[in-house]
Amino acid sequence: MRTATKALLAAACLAVPATAPTAQEAPKMQLGRADASLVQAGSYTADAAHTLVGWRVNHLGFNDYFGIFGDISGTLELDPADLASAKVDVTIPVAAVTTASAGLTEHLLRAGKDGGKPDFFGPAPAPARFISTMVTPTGTNSAMIVGDLTLNGVTAPVAIAAKFTGAGPAPMSGKQTVGFEGRATLKRSTFGVNMGIPMVSDEVELDITSAFELAS
């Protein structure tokens, strides 16, 4: 799965705080590190400005098309001494989907023709929600997270291959933060989103990047 997309880069740039450090201040700031000893146990909340779910589908067998979901909310219960007990519960606002094409975004969210069923999600889709049911460590900084994804009114299991990417106090806010990346694959037909199959692939690749802040 490929992660370097213009859409993701644009979203990241928009999320940079207006009070970014000066060139003189930047070298003094301590950034997050992929060091498990820096992780503190506790209850975390998703940093909505820096948590994204990218999706990718194949178009007509020629090339892939992708978009992103942002404004993600949720919680993470984490104890570095007992990773198997970790729990994640996140909500993804489907209505906030972003693509590089205004026409495609409108198509994803438009009402069904003549009162029929929408081709994709419709104008007021319910948020998607993922609730973990099992976390299995798979390496020094990795784990497989299995959980139930509710999307388009259907709930089905999804497995996420997750990687711990950083921890430490955030330079701007001082909040203890942990970061993760994840990859998953699902079939959209499982969730009743059947428009265009197989011209647009049934298989959807998900590319997840997330930051969680320790609740005070």
N, C-alpha and C. Protein backbone atom coordinates (compact mmCIF):
# COMPACT_ATOMS: atom_id res chain seq x y z
N MET A 1 0.84 -1.18 0.00
CA MET A 1 0.00 0.00 0.00
C MET A 1 0.88 1.24 0.00
N ARG A 2 0.54 2.20 -0.83
CA ARG A 2 1.36 3.40 -0.94
C ARG A 2 0.79 4.53 -0.11
N THR A 3 1.68 5.23 0.57
CA THR A 3 1.20 6.25 1.51
C THR A 3 1.48 7.68 1.09
N ALA A 4 2.46 7.92 0.20
CA ALA A 4 2.85 9.29 -0.14
C ALA A 4 1.94 9.82 -1.23
N THR A 5 0.88 10.49 -0.88
CA THR A 5 -0.05 11.05 -1.83
C THR A 5 -0.16 12.54 -1.62
N LYS A 6 -0.51 13.22 -2.71
CA LYS A 6 -0.64 14.68 -2.60
C LYS A 6 -1.74 15.06 -1.61
N ALA A 7 -2.82 14.26 -1.58
CA ALA A 7 -3.91 14.59 -0.67
C ALA A 7 -3.46 14.52 0.77
N LEU A 8 -2.70 13.49 1.12
CA LEU A 8 -2.23 13.36 2.49
C LEU A 8 -1.25 14.47 2.84
N LEU A 9 -0.37 14.81 1.88
CA LEU A 9 0.58 15.89 2.13
C LEU A 9 -0.13 17.21 2.35
N ALA A 10 -1.16 17.45 1.53
CA ALA A 10 -1.90 18.70 1.69
C ALA A 10 -2.58 18.77 3.04
N ALA A 11 -3.17 17.65 3.46
CA ALA A 11 -3.83 17.63 4.77
C ALA A 11 -2.84 17.87 5.89
N ALA A 12 -1.66 17.29 5.76
CA ALA A 12 -0.64 17.47 6.79
C ALA A 12 -0.19 18.92 6.87
N CYS A 13 -0.05 19.56 5.71
CA CYS A 13 0.38 20.96 5.69
C CYS A 13 -0.68 21.86 6.34
N LEU A 14 -1.95 21.55 6.07
CA LEU A 14 -3.03 22.36 6.64
C LEU A 14 -3.09 22.23 8.15
N ALA A 15 -2.57 21.11 8.66
CA ALA A 15 -2.65 20.84 10.10
C ALA A 15 -1.50 21.47 10.89
N VAL A 16 -0.52 22.09 10.21
CA VAL A 16 0.59 22.70 10.92
C VAL A 16 0.09 23.90 11.73
N PRO A 17 0.40 23.99 13.01
CA PRO A 17 -0.09 25.09 13.84
C PRO A 17 0.39 26.44 13.32
N ALA A 18 -0.44 27.46 13.54
CA ALA A 18 -0.08 28.81 13.10
C ALA A 18 1.12 29.32 13.87
N THR A 19 1.36 28.78 15.05
CA THR A 19 2.48 29.22 15.88
C THR A 19 3.66 28.25 15.76
N ALA A 20 3.98 27.87 14.53
CA ALA A 20 5.09 26.95 14.30
C ALA A 20 6.38 27.57 14.81
N PRO A 21 7.33 26.74 15.29
CA PRO A 21 8.57 27.27 15.86
C PRO A 21 9.42 27.96 14.82
N THR A 22 10.21 28.92 15.27
CA THR A 22 11.15 29.59 14.39
C THR A 22 12.32 28.67 14.10
N ALA A 23 13.16 29.05 13.14
CA ALA A 23 14.33 28.25 12.79
C ALA A 23 15.27 28.11 13.98
N GLN A 24 15.32 29.13 14.84
CA GLN A 24 16.20 29.09 16.01
C GLN A 24 15.63 28.17 17.09
N GLU A 25 14.28 28.12 17.19
CA GLU A 25 13.65 27.32 18.22
C GLU A 25 13.60 25.84 17.86
N ALA A 26 13.44 25.54 16.57
CA ALA A 26 13.21 24.16 16.13
C ALA A 26 14.27 23.18 16.61
N PRO A 27 15.59 23.48 16.52
CA PRO A 27 16.58 22.49 16.96
C PRO A 27 16.50 22.15 18.44
N LYS A 28 15.90 23.04 19.26
CA LYS A 28 15.82 22.81 20.69
C LYS A 28 14.63 21.92 21.08
N MET A 29 13.71 21.74 20.14
CA MET A 29 12.50 21.00 20.45
C MET A 29 12.74 19.50 20.36
N GLN A 30 12.17 18.76 21.31
CA GLN A 30 12.30 17.30 21.30
C GLN A 30 11.10 16.70 20.60
N LEU A 31 11.37 15.91 19.56
CA LEU A 31 10.30 15.30 18.78
C LEU A 31 10.01 13.90 19.30
N GLY A 32 8.85 13.36 18.89
CA GLY A 32 8.50 12.01 19.27
C GLY A 32 9.47 11.01 18.68
N ARG A 33 9.65 9.89 19.38
CA ARG A 33 10.57 8.84 18.93
C ARG A 33 9.90 7.48 19.06
N ALA A 34 10.27 6.56 18.19
CA ALA A 34 9.73 5.20 18.23
C ALA A 34 10.44 4.41 19.31
N ASP A 35 10.27 4.85 20.52
CA ASP A 35 10.91 4.26 21.69
C ASP A 35 9.81 3.88 22.68
N ALA A 36 9.57 2.57 22.83
CA ALA A 36 8.46 2.11 23.66
C ALA A 36 8.59 2.54 25.11
N SER A 37 9.81 2.82 25.56
CA SER A 37 9.99 3.24 26.95
C SER A 37 9.39 4.62 27.22
N LEU A 38 9.07 5.36 26.16
CA LEU A 38 8.49 6.70 26.31
C LEU A 38 6.97 6.66 26.43
N VAL A 39 6.38 5.49 26.19
CA VAL A 39 4.92 5.38 26.22
C VAL A 39 4.43 5.29 27.66
N GLN A 40 3.47 6.13 27.99
CA GLN A 40 2.86 6.10 29.31
C GLN A 40 1.51 5.39 29.26
N ALA A 41 1.23 4.59 30.27
CA ALA A 41 -0.05 3.91 30.35
C ALA A 41 -1.15 4.90 30.65
N GLY A 42 -2.33 4.66 30.10
CA GLY A 42 -3.46 5.52 30.41
C GLY A 42 -4.48 5.56 29.30
N SER A 43 -5.40 6.51 29.44
CA SER A 43 -6.47 6.72 28.47
C SER A 43 -6.08 7.87 27.55
N TYR A 44 -6.16 7.62 26.25
CA TYR A 44 -5.78 8.61 25.24
C TYR A 44 -6.99 8.99 24.41
N THR A 45 -6.94 10.20 23.84
CA THR A 45 -7.97 10.63 22.90
C THR A 45 -7.32 10.94 21.57
N ALA A 46 -8.04 10.69 20.49
CA ALA A 46 -7.49 10.91 19.15
C ALA A 46 -7.26 12.40 18.90
N ASP A 47 -6.11 12.70 18.32
CA ASP A 47 -5.81 14.05 17.85
C ASP A 47 -6.43 14.17 16.46
N ALA A 48 -7.61 14.78 16.39
CA ALA A 48 -8.39 14.80 15.15
C ALA A 48 -7.66 15.51 14.02
N ALA A 49 -6.81 16.47 14.34
CA ALA A 49 -6.11 17.24 13.31
C ALA A 49 -4.98 16.44 12.67
N HIS A 50 -4.57 15.35 13.31
CA HIS A 50 -3.42 14.60 12.80
C HIS A 50 -3.71 13.11 12.70
N THR A 51 -4.97 12.76 12.56
CA THR A 51 -5.37 11.37 12.38
C THR A 51 -6.18 11.26 11.09
N LEU A 52 -5.73 10.40 10.19
CA LEU A 52 -6.34 10.28 8.87
C LEU A 52 -6.50 8.81 8.50
N VAL A 53 -7.54 8.53 7.71
CA VAL A 53 -7.70 7.21 7.09
C VAL A 53 -7.74 7.42 5.58
N GLY A 54 -6.71 6.94 4.91
CA GLY A 54 -6.68 7.01 3.45
C GLY A 54 -7.27 5.74 2.87
N TRP A 55 -7.95 5.86 1.72
CA TRP A 55 -8.49 4.68 1.04
C TRP A 55 -8.07 4.70 -0.43
N ARG A 56 -7.93 3.51 -0.98
CA ARG A 56 -7.45 3.37 -2.35
C ARG A 56 -8.23 2.26 -3.06
N VAL A 57 -8.73 2.57 -4.25
CA VAL A 57 -9.41 1.58 -5.08
C VAL A 57 -8.81 1.61 -6.48
N ASN A 58 -8.95 0.51 -7.21
CA ASN A 58 -8.47 0.48 -8.59
C ASN A 58 -9.59 0.91 -9.52
N HIS A 59 -9.23 1.69 -10.55
CA HIS A 59 -10.19 2.25 -11.49
C HIS A 59 -9.97 1.66 -12.88
N LEU A 60 -10.91 0.81 -13.31
CA LEU A 60 -10.93 0.25 -14.66
C LEU A 60 -9.71 -0.59 -15.00
N GLY A 61 -8.96 -1.01 -14.00
CA GLY A 61 -7.77 -1.81 -14.27
C GLY A 61 -6.59 -1.01 -14.76
N PHE A 62 -6.74 0.32 -14.82
CA PHE A 62 -5.66 1.17 -15.33
C PHE A 62 -4.78 1.72 -14.20
N ASN A 63 -5.41 2.25 -13.17
CA ASN A 63 -4.64 2.87 -12.10
C ASN A 63 -5.50 2.96 -10.85
N ASP A 64 -4.88 3.35 -9.76
CA ASP A 64 -5.60 3.47 -8.49
C ASP A 64 -6.06 4.90 -8.27
N TYR A 65 -7.16 5.02 -7.54
CA TYR A 65 -7.66 6.32 -7.11
C TYR A 65 -7.76 6.30 -5.59
N PHE A 66 -7.52 7.45 -4.97
CA PHE A 66 -7.53 7.46 -3.51
C PHE A 66 -8.18 8.72 -2.96
N GLY A 67 -8.58 8.63 -1.70
CA GLY A 67 -9.15 9.76 -0.98
C GLY A 67 -8.86 9.58 0.50
N ILE A 68 -9.36 10.49 1.31
CA ILE A 68 -9.08 10.41 2.75
C ILE A 68 -10.30 10.80 3.58
N PHE A 69 -10.33 10.25 4.78
CA PHE A 69 -11.26 10.68 5.82
C PHE A 69 -10.44 11.34 6.92
N GLY A 70 -10.95 12.45 7.44
CA GLY A 70 -10.28 13.15 8.54
C GLY A 70 -11.27 13.46 9.66
N ASP A 71 -10.88 14.35 10.56
CA ASP A 71 -11.73 14.73 11.70
C ASP A 71 -12.15 13.51 12.51
N ILE A 72 -11.23 12.60 12.70
CA ILE A 72 -11.53 11.34 13.37
C ILE A 72 -11.44 11.52 14.89
N SER A 73 -12.42 10.99 15.58
CA SER A 73 -12.45 11.08 17.04
C SER A 73 -12.38 9.67 17.62
N GLY A 74 -12.03 9.60 18.90
CA GLY A 74 -12.01 8.29 19.52
C GLY A 74 -11.09 8.21 20.71
N THR A 75 -10.96 7.00 21.23
CA THR A 75 -10.16 6.78 22.43
C THR A 75 -9.26 5.56 22.27
N LEU A 76 -8.20 5.55 23.06
CA LEU A 76 -7.26 4.44 23.10
C LEU A 76 -6.91 4.17 24.55
N GLU A 77 -7.12 2.95 24.99
CA GLU A 77 -6.66 2.51 26.31
C GLU A 77 -5.38 1.72 26.10
N LEU A 78 -4.29 2.16 26.72
CA LEU A 78 -2.99 1.57 26.40
C LEU A 78 -2.14 1.39 27.64
N ASP A 79 -1.60 0.19 27.78
CA ASP A 79 -0.64 -0.13 28.84
C ASP A 79 0.55 -0.82 28.16
N PRO A 80 1.69 -0.14 28.05
CA PRO A 80 2.83 -0.73 27.35
C PRO A 80 3.31 -2.04 27.97
N ALA A 81 2.97 -2.29 29.23
CA ALA A 81 3.37 -3.54 29.87
C ALA A 81 2.40 -4.68 29.56
N ASP A 82 1.27 -4.36 28.95
CA ASP A 82 0.26 -5.37 28.62
C ASP A 82 -0.45 -4.95 27.34
N LEU A 83 0.24 -5.06 26.21
CA LEU A 83 -0.30 -4.58 24.93
C LEU A 83 -1.56 -5.31 24.53
N ALA A 84 -1.68 -6.59 24.92
CA ALA A 84 -2.86 -7.36 24.54
C ALA A 84 -4.14 -6.80 25.16
N SER A 85 -4.02 -5.98 26.20
CA SER A 85 -5.19 -5.40 26.85
C SER A 85 -5.62 -4.07 26.21
N ALA A 86 -4.87 -3.60 25.22
CA ALA A 86 -5.17 -2.32 24.59
C ALA A 86 -6.55 -2.36 23.92
N LYS A 87 -7.22 -1.20 23.94
CA LYS A 87 -8.53 -1.09 23.31
C LYS A 87 -8.60 0.23 22.55
N VAL A 88 -9.13 0.17 21.34
CA VAL A 88 -9.29 1.38 20.54
C VAL A 88 -10.73 1.46 20.05
N ASP A 89 -11.26 2.66 20.06
CA ASP A 89 -12.65 2.92 19.65
C ASP A 89 -12.63 4.26 18.92
N VAL A 90 -12.77 4.22 17.59
CA VAL A 90 -12.69 5.46 16.81
C VAL A 90 -13.89 5.61 15.90
N THR A 91 -14.25 6.85 15.65
CA THR A 91 -15.38 7.20 14.79
C THR A 91 -14.89 8.04 13.62
N ILE A 92 -15.30 7.64 12.42
CA ILE A 92 -14.84 8.29 11.18
C ILE A 92 -16.03 8.95 10.50
N PRO A 93 -16.05 10.28 10.35
CA PRO A 93 -17.19 10.95 9.72
C PRO A 93 -17.15 10.75 8.19
N VAL A 94 -17.93 9.82 7.70
CA VAL A 94 -17.96 9.51 6.27
C VAL A 94 -18.33 10.74 5.44
N ALA A 95 -19.18 11.58 5.98
CA ALA A 95 -19.63 12.77 5.25
C ALA A 95 -18.50 13.76 4.99
N ALA A 96 -17.38 13.60 5.70
CA ALA A 96 -16.25 14.51 5.53
C ALA A 96 -15.20 13.94 4.56
N VAL A 97 -15.59 13.01 3.70
CA VAL A 97 -14.65 12.42 2.76
C VAL A 97 -14.06 13.49 1.84
N THR A 98 -12.78 13.34 1.52
CA THR A 98 -12.08 14.28 0.64
C THR A 98 -11.45 13.51 -0.51
N THR A 99 -11.66 14.01 -1.74
CA THR A 99 -10.97 13.48 -2.91
C THR A 99 -10.43 14.65 -3.71
N ALA A 100 -9.65 14.35 -4.74
CA ALA A 100 -9.09 15.40 -5.59
C ALA A 100 -10.08 15.86 -6.65
N SER A 101 -11.24 15.24 -6.72
CA SER A 101 -12.24 15.57 -7.73
C SER A 101 -13.54 15.98 -7.08
N ALA A 102 -13.96 17.21 -7.33
CA ALA A 102 -15.23 17.67 -6.76
C ALA A 102 -16.38 16.83 -7.27
N GLY A 103 -16.30 16.38 -8.51
CA GLY A 103 -17.36 15.56 -9.08
C GLY A 103 -17.47 14.21 -8.38
N LEU A 104 -16.32 13.60 -8.07
CA LEU A 104 -16.34 12.31 -7.40
C LEU A 104 -16.83 12.46 -5.96
N THR A 105 -16.39 13.50 -5.27
CA THR A 105 -16.86 13.72 -3.91
C THR A 105 -18.36 13.89 -3.89
N GLU A 106 -18.90 14.65 -4.85
CA GLU A 106 -20.35 14.85 -4.94
C GLU A 106 -21.04 13.53 -5.22
N HIS A 107 -20.45 12.70 -6.07
CA HIS A 107 -21.05 11.40 -6.40
C HIS A 107 -21.11 10.50 -5.17
N LEU A 108 -20.05 10.51 -4.35
CA LEU A 108 -20.02 9.67 -3.15
C LEU A 108 -21.13 10.04 -2.18
N LEU A 109 -21.53 11.32 -2.18
CA LEU A 109 -22.46 11.82 -1.16
C LEU A 109 -23.81 12.26 -1.71
N ARG A 110 -24.06 12.04 -2.99
CA ARG A 110 -25.34 12.51 -3.53
C ARG A 110 -26.46 11.50 -3.25
N ALA A 111 -27.67 12.02 -3.27
CA ALA A 111 -28.84 11.17 -3.04
C ALA A 111 -29.06 10.24 -4.23
N GLY A 112 -29.81 9.18 -4.00
CA GLY A 112 -30.14 8.26 -5.08
C GLY A 112 -31.04 8.91 -6.12
N LYS A 113 -30.89 8.49 -7.35
CA LYS A 113 -31.68 9.07 -8.43
C LYS A 113 -33.16 8.70 -8.28
N ASP A 114 -34.01 9.70 -8.45
CA ASP A 114 -35.46 9.51 -8.39
C ASP A 114 -35.90 8.79 -7.11
N GLY A 115 -35.23 9.14 -6.01
CA GLY A 115 -35.60 8.56 -4.73
C GLY A 115 -35.05 7.18 -4.48
N GLY A 116 -34.22 6.68 -5.38
CA GLY A 116 -33.63 5.36 -5.22
C GLY A 116 -32.46 5.36 -4.25
N LYS A 117 -31.87 4.18 -4.11
CA LYS A 117 -30.73 4.03 -3.21
C LYS A 117 -29.52 4.77 -3.77
N PRO A 118 -28.76 5.49 -2.94
CA PRO A 118 -27.56 6.18 -3.40
C PRO A 118 -26.55 5.20 -3.99
N ASP A 119 -25.75 5.67 -4.94
CA ASP A 119 -24.71 4.82 -5.52
C ASP A 119 -23.67 4.44 -4.48
N PHE A 120 -23.34 5.38 -3.60
CA PHE A 120 -22.33 5.11 -2.58
C PHE A 120 -22.91 5.36 -1.19
N PHE A 121 -22.65 6.52 -0.58
CA PHE A 121 -23.04 6.74 0.81
C PHE A 121 -24.28 7.61 1.00
N GLY A 122 -24.60 8.45 0.04
CA GLY A 122 -25.74 9.32 0.20
C GLY A 122 -25.37 10.62 0.90
N PRO A 123 -26.30 11.58 0.94
CA PRO A 123 -25.99 12.94 1.42
C PRO A 123 -25.81 13.07 2.93
N ALA A 124 -26.29 12.12 3.71
CA ALA A 124 -26.17 12.23 5.17
C ALA A 124 -25.77 10.88 5.75
N PRO A 125 -24.60 10.37 5.39
CA PRO A 125 -24.20 9.04 5.86
C PRO A 125 -23.85 9.05 7.35
N ALA A 126 -24.20 7.96 8.02
CA ALA A 126 -23.81 7.83 9.42
C ALA A 126 -22.30 7.65 9.50
N PRO A 127 -21.66 8.16 10.55
CA PRO A 127 -20.21 7.95 10.71
C PRO A 127 -19.90 6.46 10.80
N ALA A 128 -18.73 6.09 10.33
CA ALA A 128 -18.24 4.73 10.52
C ALA A 128 -17.62 4.63 11.91
N ARG A 129 -17.58 3.42 12.45
CA ARG A 129 -17.00 3.23 13.78
C ARG A 129 -16.24 1.91 13.84
N PHE A 130 -15.03 1.96 14.38
CA PHE A 130 -14.22 0.76 14.57
C PHE A 130 -13.98 0.56 16.06
N ILE A 131 -14.33 -0.64 16.56
CA ILE A 131 -14.11 -0.98 17.96
C ILE A 131 -13.28 -2.26 18.00
N SER A 132 -12.11 -2.19 18.61
CA SER A 132 -11.24 -3.35 18.65
C SER A 132 -11.82 -4.44 19.54
N THR A 133 -11.54 -5.69 19.16
CA THR A 133 -11.95 -6.84 19.96
C THR A 133 -10.75 -7.67 20.42
N MET A 134 -9.61 -7.50 19.74
CA MET A 134 -8.42 -8.26 20.11
C MET A 134 -7.18 -7.56 19.58
N VAL A 135 -6.15 -7.47 20.41
CA VAL A 135 -4.87 -6.90 20.01
C VAL A 135 -3.80 -7.95 20.27
N THR A 136 -3.05 -8.29 19.22
CA THR A 136 -2.01 -9.31 19.33
C THR A 136 -0.67 -8.72 18.92
N PRO A 137 0.28 -8.58 19.84
CA PRO A 137 1.61 -8.10 19.46
C PRO A 137 2.24 -9.03 18.43
N THR A 138 2.88 -8.45 17.41
CA THR A 138 3.50 -9.25 16.35
C THR A 138 4.99 -8.96 16.20
N GLY A 139 5.51 -8.04 16.98
CA GLY A 139 6.92 -7.68 16.89
C GLY A 139 7.25 -6.63 17.92
N THR A 140 8.46 -6.10 17.85
CA THR A 140 8.90 -5.11 18.83
C THR A 140 7.98 -3.89 18.86
N ASN A 141 7.62 -3.37 17.69
CA ASN A 141 6.79 -2.17 17.61
C ASN A 141 5.56 -2.38 16.75
N SER A 142 5.04 -3.60 16.70
CA SER A 142 3.92 -3.87 15.82
C SER A 142 2.89 -4.77 16.49
N ALA A 143 1.67 -4.73 15.97
CA ALA A 143 0.59 -5.55 16.51
C ALA A 143 -0.49 -5.71 15.44
N MET A 144 -1.26 -6.76 15.58
CA MET A 144 -2.44 -6.95 14.74
C MET A 144 -3.66 -6.60 15.58
N ILE A 145 -4.43 -5.64 15.08
CA ILE A 145 -5.63 -5.20 15.79
C ILE A 145 -6.85 -5.70 15.02
N VAL A 146 -7.63 -6.54 15.65
CA VAL A 146 -8.86 -7.05 15.05
C VAL A 146 -10.03 -6.38 15.75
N GLY A 147 -11.01 -5.98 14.96
CA GLY A 147 -12.16 -5.32 15.56
C GLY A 147 -13.35 -5.31 14.63
N ASP A 148 -14.43 -4.73 15.09
CA ASP A 148 -15.67 -4.64 14.32
C ASP A 148 -15.78 -3.24 13.71
N LEU A 149 -15.92 -3.20 12.39
CA LEU A 149 -16.13 -1.94 11.68
C LEU A 149 -17.60 -1.85 11.29
N THR A 150 -18.25 -0.77 11.71
CA THR A 150 -19.62 -0.52 11.28
C THR A 150 -19.58 0.59 10.23
N LEU A 151 -20.05 0.26 9.04
CA LEU A 151 -20.01 1.19 7.91
C LEU A 151 -21.25 0.97 7.06
N ASN A 152 -21.93 2.05 6.72
CA ASN A 152 -23.10 1.97 5.85
C ASN A 152 -24.17 1.04 6.44
N GLY A 153 -24.25 1.01 7.77
CA GLY A 153 -25.26 0.22 8.44
C GLY A 153 -24.93 -1.26 8.60
N VAL A 154 -23.72 -1.65 8.22
CA VAL A 154 -23.31 -3.05 8.31
C VAL A 154 -22.09 -3.15 9.22
N THR A 155 -22.06 -4.17 10.08
CA THR A 155 -20.91 -4.41 10.96
C THR A 155 -20.23 -5.70 10.55
N ALA A 156 -18.89 -5.62 10.37
CA ALA A 156 -18.12 -6.79 9.97
C ALA A 156 -16.71 -6.65 10.53
N PRO A 157 -16.01 -7.78 10.73
CA PRO A 157 -14.66 -7.72 11.29
C PRO A 157 -13.64 -7.20 10.28
N VAL A 158 -12.68 -6.45 10.79
CA VAL A 158 -11.56 -5.93 9.98
C VAL A 158 -10.29 -6.09 10.81
N ALA A 159 -9.20 -6.47 10.16
CA ALA A 159 -7.91 -6.61 10.82
C ALA A 159 -6.96 -5.52 10.35
N ILE A 160 -6.31 -4.86 11.29
CA ILE A 160 -5.38 -3.77 10.98
C ILE A 160 -3.98 -4.17 11.43
N ALA A 161 -3.04 -4.14 10.50
CA ALA A 161 -1.63 -4.35 10.83
C ALA A 161 -1.07 -3.01 11.29
N ALA A 162 -0.83 -2.87 12.59
CA ALA A 162 -0.46 -1.58 13.17
C ALA A 162 1.01 -1.54 13.55
N LYS A 163 1.57 -0.35 13.44
CA LYS A 163 2.97 -0.12 13.79
C LYS A 163 3.08 1.11 14.67
N PHE A 164 3.76 0.98 15.80
CA PHE A 164 4.04 2.10 16.69
C PHE A 164 5.12 2.97 16.04
N THR A 165 4.86 4.28 15.93
CA THR A 165 5.78 5.16 15.20
C THR A 165 6.40 6.27 16.04
N GLY A 166 5.86 6.54 17.24
CA GLY A 166 6.49 7.59 18.03
C GLY A 166 5.75 7.85 19.33
N ALA A 167 6.50 8.37 20.30
CA ALA A 167 5.91 8.74 21.59
C ALA A 167 6.73 9.86 22.21
N GLY A 168 6.10 10.56 23.16
CA GLY A 168 6.77 11.66 23.85
C GLY A 168 5.84 12.83 23.99
N PRO A 169 6.27 13.89 24.68
CA PRO A 169 5.45 15.09 24.80
C PRO A 169 5.43 15.86 23.48
N ALA A 170 4.25 16.30 23.05
CA ALA A 170 4.15 17.09 21.83
C ALA A 170 4.83 18.43 22.03
N PRO A 171 5.67 18.86 21.09
CA PRO A 171 6.43 20.10 21.27
C PRO A 171 5.56 21.33 21.49
N MET A 172 4.41 21.42 20.81
CA MET A 172 3.60 22.63 20.89
C MET A 172 2.68 22.64 22.11
N SER A 173 2.05 21.49 22.41
CA SER A 173 1.07 21.45 23.48
C SER A 173 1.61 20.90 24.79
N GLY A 174 2.71 20.14 24.71
CA GLY A 174 3.25 19.50 25.90
C GLY A 174 2.51 18.23 26.28
N LYS A 175 1.46 17.87 25.54
CA LYS A 175 0.67 16.69 25.87
C LYS A 175 1.43 15.41 25.48
N GLN A 176 1.40 14.42 26.38
CA GLN A 176 1.99 13.14 26.07
C GLN A 176 1.24 12.52 24.90
N THR A 177 1.97 12.13 23.86
CA THR A 177 1.36 11.69 22.61
C THR A 177 1.99 10.38 22.14
N VAL A 178 1.15 9.53 21.53
CA VAL A 178 1.65 8.32 20.88
C VAL A 178 1.14 8.30 19.45
N GLY A 179 1.95 7.77 18.53
CA GLY A 179 1.57 7.72 17.13
C GLY A 179 1.65 6.32 16.57
N PHE A 180 0.78 6.04 15.61
CA PHE A 180 0.72 4.72 14.99
C PHE A 180 0.41 4.86 13.50
N GLU A 181 0.83 3.87 12.73
CA GLU A 181 0.40 3.70 11.35
C GLU A 181 -0.27 2.35 11.23
N GLY A 182 -1.21 2.23 10.31
CA GLY A 182 -1.89 0.95 10.14
C GLY A 182 -2.30 0.72 8.70
N ARG A 183 -2.39 -0.55 8.34
CA ARG A 183 -2.84 -0.92 7.00
C ARG A 183 -3.88 -2.02 7.11
N ALA A 184 -4.88 -1.93 6.25
CA ALA A 184 -5.94 -2.94 6.25
C ALA A 184 -6.53 -3.04 4.85
N THR A 185 -7.17 -4.14 4.59
CA THR A 185 -7.88 -4.36 3.32
C THR A 185 -9.27 -4.87 3.62
N LEU A 186 -10.25 -4.32 2.93
CA LEU A 186 -11.62 -4.80 3.08
C LEU A 186 -12.31 -4.83 1.72
N LYS A 187 -13.44 -5.51 1.66
CA LYS A 187 -14.27 -5.50 0.46
C LYS A 187 -15.47 -4.60 0.72
N ARG A 188 -15.65 -3.62 -0.13
CA ARG A 188 -16.73 -2.67 0.11
C ARG A 188 -18.10 -3.33 -0.07
N SER A 189 -18.16 -4.40 -0.87
CA SER A 189 -19.43 -5.10 -1.04
C SER A 189 -19.92 -5.69 0.29
N THR A 190 -18.98 -6.00 1.20
CA THR A 190 -19.37 -6.51 2.52
C THR A 190 -20.26 -5.51 3.24
N PHE A 191 -20.03 -4.22 2.95
CA PHE A 191 -20.77 -3.15 3.64
C PHE A 191 -21.86 -2.55 2.74
N GLY A 192 -22.22 -3.27 1.69
CA GLY A 192 -23.32 -2.83 0.84
C GLY A 192 -23.00 -1.69 -0.08
N VAL A 193 -21.71 -1.43 -0.33
CA VAL A 193 -21.31 -0.36 -1.26
C VAL A 193 -20.85 -1.06 -2.54
N ASN A 194 -21.79 -1.30 -3.45
CA ASN A 194 -21.54 -2.18 -4.59
C ASN A 194 -21.38 -1.46 -5.93
N MET A 195 -21.56 -0.16 -5.97
CA MET A 195 -21.55 0.59 -7.22
C MET A 195 -20.26 0.36 -8.02
N GLY A 196 -20.42 -0.04 -9.29
CA GLY A 196 -19.28 -0.06 -10.22
C GLY A 196 -18.40 -1.29 -10.17
N ILE A 197 -18.68 -2.25 -9.30
CA ILE A 197 -17.85 -3.46 -9.24
C ILE A 197 -18.09 -4.28 -10.50
N PRO A 198 -17.09 -4.77 -11.24
CA PRO A 198 -15.66 -4.73 -10.91
C PRO A 198 -14.90 -3.59 -11.59
N MET A 199 -15.60 -2.68 -12.28
CA MET A 199 -14.90 -1.58 -12.95
C MET A 199 -14.13 -0.74 -11.94
N VAL A 200 -14.74 -0.53 -10.80
CA VAL A 200 -14.04 0.04 -9.64
C VAL A 200 -13.91 -1.11 -8.65
N SER A 201 -12.70 -1.37 -8.19
CA SER A 201 -12.43 -2.59 -7.43
C SER A 201 -13.29 -2.71 -6.19
N ASP A 202 -13.68 -3.96 -5.91
CA ASP A 202 -14.37 -4.26 -4.67
C ASP A 202 -13.40 -4.11 -3.50
N GLU A 203 -12.15 -4.50 -3.70
CA GLU A 203 -11.14 -4.42 -2.64
C GLU A 203 -10.71 -2.98 -2.41
N VAL A 204 -10.72 -2.59 -1.17
CA VAL A 204 -10.31 -1.24 -0.77
C VAL A 204 -9.14 -1.36 0.20
N GLU A 205 -8.07 -0.66 -0.12
CA GLU A 205 -6.91 -0.63 0.77
C GLU A 205 -7.01 0.59 1.67
N LEU A 206 -6.79 0.39 2.95
CA LEU A 206 -6.82 1.48 3.92
C LEU A 206 -5.42 1.76 4.43
N ASP A 207 -5.10 3.03 4.52
CA ASP A 207 -3.80 3.49 5.01
C ASP A 207 -4.07 4.47 6.14
N ILE A 208 -3.72 4.08 7.36
CA ILE A 208 -4.12 4.82 8.55
C ILE A 208 -2.91 5.46 9.21
N THR A 209 -3.02 6.71 9.58
CA THR A 209 -2.01 7.37 10.37
C THR A 209 -2.71 8.06 11.53
N SER A 210 -2.24 7.85 12.75
CA SER A 210 -2.99 8.34 13.89
C SER A 210 -2.08 8.86 15.00
N ALA A 211 -2.59 9.83 15.73
CA ALA A 211 -1.93 10.36 16.93
C ALA A 211 -2.96 10.40 18.03
N PHE A 212 -2.56 9.98 19.23
CA PHE A 212 -3.43 9.98 20.41
C PHE A 212 -2.74 10.73 21.53
N GLU A 213 -3.51 11.57 22.23
CA GLU A 213 -2.98 12.37 23.32
C GLU A 213 -3.49 11.85 24.66
N LEU A 214 -2.59 11.77 25.63
CA LEU A 214 -2.95 11.27 26.95
C LEU A 214 -3.96 12.21 27.59
N ALA A 215 -5.07 11.67 28.05
CA ALA A 215 -6.09 12.49 28.68
C ALA A 215 -5.59 13.00 30.03
N SER A 216 -5.82 14.26 30.31
CA SER A 216 -5.35 14.86 31.55
C SER A 216 -6.30 14.54 32.70
